[in-house]
Amino acid sequence: MICDLHCHTTLSDGSLGIEDVIEQAARTGIDWLSITDHDTMASFSRADVLAERAGIKVLHGVELSAWDKDRNSKVHILCYAP
């Protein structure tokens, strides 16, 4: 089983749209994909449809922005199946 559980689309800071991410995943033989755009879950329904057509399983995910008070800096937290 080949997985990519951390990728972004143009909905956040990625360089490819949802369709292109899924097409690339299919070309490279990925079985499971999680689009984890920053602070948005807007890709879910479109990714579900396109991934099903491509024969790829989807794990919904999101990369949440948070603040680390101890280090006084922004951090990211990956969340799966929100």
N, C-alpha and C. Protein backbone atom coordinates (compact mmCIF):
# COMPACT_ATOMS: atom_id res chain seq x y z
N MET A 1 0.85 -1.17 0.00
CA MET A 1 0.00 0.00 0.00
C MET A 1 0.90 1.24 0.00
N ILE A 2 0.63 2.14 -0.92
CA ILE A 2 1.40 3.38 -1.03
C ILE A 2 0.47 4.54 -0.65
N CYS A 3 0.95 5.40 0.25
CA CYS A 3 0.13 6.50 0.77
C CYS A 3 0.89 7.82 0.69
N ASP A 4 0.12 8.89 0.53
CA ASP A 4 0.63 10.24 0.72
C ASP A 4 -0.37 10.91 1.65
N LEU A 5 0.02 11.11 2.89
CA LEU A 5 -0.91 11.62 3.90
C LEU A 5 -0.65 13.08 4.26
N HIS A 6 0.05 13.80 3.38
CA HIS A 6 0.29 15.22 3.65
C HIS A 6 0.58 15.94 2.34
N CYS A 7 -0.47 16.39 1.68
CA CYS A 7 -0.27 17.18 0.47
C CYS A 7 -1.23 18.37 0.47
N HIS A 8 -0.86 19.38 -0.30
CA HIS A 8 -1.63 20.61 -0.34
C HIS A 8 -2.07 20.91 -1.78
N THR A 9 -3.16 21.64 -1.91
CA THR A 9 -3.64 22.10 -3.20
C THR A 9 -3.55 23.63 -3.24
N THR A 10 -4.03 24.19 -4.33
CA THR A 10 -4.04 25.64 -4.44
C THR A 10 -5.05 26.28 -3.49
N LEU A 11 -5.84 25.47 -2.78
CA LEU A 11 -6.73 26.03 -1.75
C LEU A 11 -5.93 26.56 -0.57
N SER A 12 -4.68 26.12 -0.43
CA SER A 12 -3.80 26.71 0.58
C SER A 12 -2.49 27.08 -0.11
N ASP A 13 -1.40 26.41 0.21
CA ASP A 13 -0.12 26.84 -0.37
C ASP A 13 0.46 25.84 -1.37
N GLY A 14 -0.39 24.98 -1.93
CA GLY A 14 0.07 24.03 -2.94
C GLY A 14 0.14 24.66 -4.32
N SER A 15 0.82 23.99 -5.23
CA SER A 15 0.96 24.52 -6.59
C SER A 15 0.02 23.86 -7.58
N LEU A 16 -0.70 22.80 -7.16
CA LEU A 16 -1.63 22.09 -8.03
C LEU A 16 -3.04 22.15 -7.48
N GLY A 17 -4.01 22.13 -8.39
CA GLY A 17 -5.41 22.05 -7.98
C GLY A 17 -5.76 20.64 -7.54
N ILE A 18 -6.96 20.45 -7.02
CA ILE A 18 -7.41 19.15 -6.53
C ILE A 18 -7.32 18.09 -7.63
N GLU A 19 -7.82 18.43 -8.82
CA GLU A 19 -7.81 17.49 -9.93
C GLU A 19 -6.39 17.03 -10.27
N ASP A 20 -5.46 17.98 -10.32
CA ASP A 20 -4.08 17.65 -10.67
C ASP A 20 -3.40 16.83 -9.59
N VAL A 21 -3.68 17.11 -8.33
CA VAL A 21 -3.10 16.32 -7.23
C VAL A 21 -3.55 14.87 -7.34
N ILE A 22 -4.83 14.66 -7.61
CA ILE A 22 -5.35 13.30 -7.70
C ILE A 22 -4.84 12.60 -8.96
N GLU A 23 -4.76 13.31 -10.07
CA GLU A 23 -4.19 12.73 -11.29
C GLU A 23 -2.74 12.30 -11.07
N GLN A 24 -1.97 13.16 -10.41
CA GLN A 24 -0.57 12.83 -10.13
C GLN A 24 -0.47 11.63 -9.19
N ALA A 25 -1.34 11.57 -8.20
CA ALA A 25 -1.35 10.43 -7.28
C ALA A 25 -1.66 9.13 -8.03
N ALA A 26 -2.61 9.17 -8.93
CA ALA A 26 -2.97 7.99 -9.71
C ALA A 26 -1.80 7.55 -10.60
N ARG A 27 -1.13 8.52 -11.24
CA ARG A 27 0.01 8.20 -12.12
C ARG A 27 1.15 7.55 -11.36
N THR A 28 1.33 7.93 -10.11
CA THR A 28 2.46 7.41 -9.33
C THR A 28 2.09 6.19 -8.50
N GLY A 29 0.86 5.71 -8.63
CA GLY A 29 0.47 4.47 -7.96
C GLY A 29 0.07 4.60 -6.51
N ILE A 30 -0.32 5.79 -6.09
CA ILE A 30 -0.74 5.99 -4.71
C ILE A 30 -2.11 5.35 -4.48
N ASP A 31 -2.23 4.59 -3.39
CA ASP A 31 -3.48 3.92 -3.03
C ASP A 31 -4.35 4.77 -2.12
N TRP A 32 -3.73 5.48 -1.19
CA TRP A 32 -4.42 6.34 -0.21
C TRP A 32 -3.84 7.74 -0.28
N LEU A 33 -4.73 8.74 -0.21
CA LEU A 33 -4.31 10.14 -0.31
C LEU A 33 -5.04 10.96 0.74
N SER A 34 -4.31 11.86 1.36
CA SER A 34 -4.93 12.82 2.28
C SER A 34 -4.49 14.22 1.87
N ILE A 35 -5.46 15.00 1.41
CA ILE A 35 -5.19 16.41 1.10
C ILE A 35 -5.36 17.16 2.41
N THR A 36 -4.27 17.75 2.88
CA THR A 36 -4.25 18.41 4.19
C THR A 36 -3.96 19.90 4.00
N ASP A 37 -4.86 20.58 3.30
CA ASP A 37 -4.68 22.02 3.10
C ASP A 37 -4.70 22.76 4.43
N HIS A 38 -4.05 23.91 4.45
CA HIS A 38 -3.98 24.72 5.66
C HIS A 38 -5.34 25.33 5.99
N ASP A 39 -5.86 24.99 7.16
CA ASP A 39 -7.03 25.65 7.75
C ASP A 39 -8.28 25.63 6.88
N THR A 40 -8.42 24.63 6.01
CA THR A 40 -9.64 24.51 5.22
C THR A 40 -9.92 23.05 4.90
N MET A 41 -11.19 22.72 4.86
CA MET A 41 -11.63 21.39 4.49
C MET A 41 -12.45 21.45 3.21
N ALA A 42 -12.25 22.50 2.44
CA ALA A 42 -13.03 22.75 1.24
C ALA A 42 -12.81 21.72 0.13
N SER A 43 -11.74 20.97 0.18
CA SER A 43 -11.44 20.01 -0.88
C SER A 43 -12.19 18.69 -0.73
N PHE A 44 -12.78 18.43 0.41
CA PHE A 44 -13.29 17.10 0.72
C PHE A 44 -14.25 16.53 -0.32
N SER A 45 -15.33 17.22 -0.61
CA SER A 45 -16.35 16.63 -1.49
C SER A 45 -15.82 16.44 -2.91
N ARG A 46 -15.09 17.41 -3.43
CA ARG A 46 -14.53 17.29 -4.78
C ARG A 46 -13.48 16.19 -4.84
N ALA A 47 -12.62 16.12 -3.84
CA ALA A 47 -11.59 15.08 -3.79
C ALA A 47 -12.21 13.70 -3.70
N ASP A 48 -13.29 13.55 -2.96
CA ASP A 48 -13.97 12.25 -2.84
C ASP A 48 -14.41 11.75 -4.21
N VAL A 49 -15.05 12.62 -4.98
CA VAL A 49 -15.57 12.23 -6.30
C VAL A 49 -14.43 11.88 -7.25
N LEU A 50 -13.43 12.76 -7.33
CA LEU A 50 -12.33 12.54 -8.26
C LEU A 50 -11.48 11.33 -7.88
N ALA A 51 -11.23 11.15 -6.59
CA ALA A 51 -10.43 10.01 -6.14
C ALA A 51 -11.15 8.69 -6.39
N GLU A 52 -12.45 8.67 -6.19
CA GLU A 52 -13.20 7.44 -6.45
C GLU A 52 -13.09 7.06 -7.93
N ARG A 53 -13.21 8.04 -8.80
CA ARG A 53 -13.06 7.78 -10.24
C ARG A 53 -11.68 7.25 -10.58
N ALA A 54 -10.65 7.72 -9.84
CA ALA A 54 -9.27 7.33 -10.11
C ALA A 54 -8.87 6.05 -9.37
N GLY A 55 -9.77 5.52 -8.53
CA GLY A 55 -9.46 4.31 -7.78
C GLY A 55 -8.56 4.53 -6.59
N ILE A 56 -8.61 5.74 -6.03
CA ILE A 56 -7.79 6.10 -4.87
C ILE A 56 -8.69 6.28 -3.66
N LYS A 57 -8.25 5.77 -2.52
CA LYS A 57 -8.97 5.97 -1.26
C LYS A 57 -8.53 7.30 -0.66
N VAL A 58 -9.48 7.98 0.00
CA VAL A 58 -9.20 9.30 0.58
C VAL A 58 -9.36 9.25 2.10
N LEU A 59 -8.39 9.80 2.79
CA LEU A 59 -8.49 10.04 4.23
C LEU A 59 -8.58 11.55 4.39
N HIS A 60 -9.73 12.03 4.85
CA HIS A 60 -9.89 13.48 5.02
C HIS A 60 -8.89 13.99 6.05
N GLY A 61 -8.32 15.14 5.75
CA GLY A 61 -7.35 15.73 6.66
C GLY A 61 -7.30 17.24 6.49
N VAL A 62 -6.70 17.88 7.48
CA VAL A 62 -6.52 19.32 7.46
C VAL A 62 -5.27 19.65 8.28
N GLU A 63 -4.53 20.67 7.86
CA GLU A 63 -3.37 21.13 8.63
C GLU A 63 -3.78 22.42 9.33
N LEU A 64 -3.93 22.32 10.62
CA LEU A 64 -4.43 23.44 11.42
C LEU A 64 -3.28 24.34 11.88
N SER A 65 -3.49 25.63 11.78
CA SER A 65 -2.51 26.59 12.29
C SER A 65 -2.80 26.82 13.77
N ALA A 66 -1.75 26.87 14.54
CA ALA A 66 -1.88 27.09 15.98
C ALA A 66 -0.70 27.96 16.44
N TRP A 67 -0.75 28.35 17.68
CA TRP A 67 0.30 29.20 18.24
C TRP A 67 0.95 28.51 19.42
N ASP A 68 2.27 28.37 19.38
CA ASP A 68 3.04 27.80 20.48
C ASP A 68 3.47 28.95 21.39
N LYS A 69 2.80 29.08 22.52
CA LYS A 69 3.10 30.19 23.43
C LYS A 69 4.50 30.09 24.02
N ASP A 70 4.97 28.86 24.29
CA ASP A 70 6.30 28.70 24.88
C ASP A 70 7.41 29.16 23.94
N ARG A 71 7.23 28.90 22.68
CA ARG A 71 8.25 29.28 21.69
C ARG A 71 7.91 30.57 20.95
N ASN A 72 6.72 31.09 21.23
CA ASN A 72 6.24 32.31 20.60
C ASN A 72 6.31 32.22 19.07
N SER A 73 5.75 31.12 18.55
CA SER A 73 5.78 30.93 17.10
C SER A 73 4.58 30.13 16.62
N LYS A 74 4.31 30.29 15.34
CA LYS A 74 3.23 29.56 14.70
C LYS A 74 3.66 28.12 14.48
N VAL A 75 2.73 27.18 14.67
CA VAL A 75 2.98 25.76 14.43
C VAL A 75 1.82 25.20 13.63
N HIS A 76 2.02 24.03 13.05
CA HIS A 76 0.97 23.36 12.30
C HIS A 76 0.70 22.00 12.93
N ILE A 77 -0.56 21.63 12.98
CA ILE A 77 -0.98 20.35 13.54
C ILE A 77 -1.78 19.61 12.47
N LEU A 78 -1.33 18.42 12.12
CA LEU A 78 -2.07 17.61 11.15
C LEU A 78 -3.22 16.90 11.87
N CYS A 79 -4.39 17.00 11.28
CA CYS A 79 -5.59 16.39 11.86
C CYS A 79 -6.22 15.51 10.78
N TYR A 80 -6.44 14.25 11.11
CA TYR A 80 -7.04 13.32 10.17
C TYR A 80 -8.43 12.94 10.64
N ALA A 81 -9.33 12.76 9.68
CA ALA A 81 -10.74 12.41 9.93
C ALA A 81 -11.41 13.41 10.86
N PRO A 82 -11.32 14.72 10.52
CA PRO A 82 -11.91 15.73 11.41
C PRO A 82 -13.44 15.66 11.41
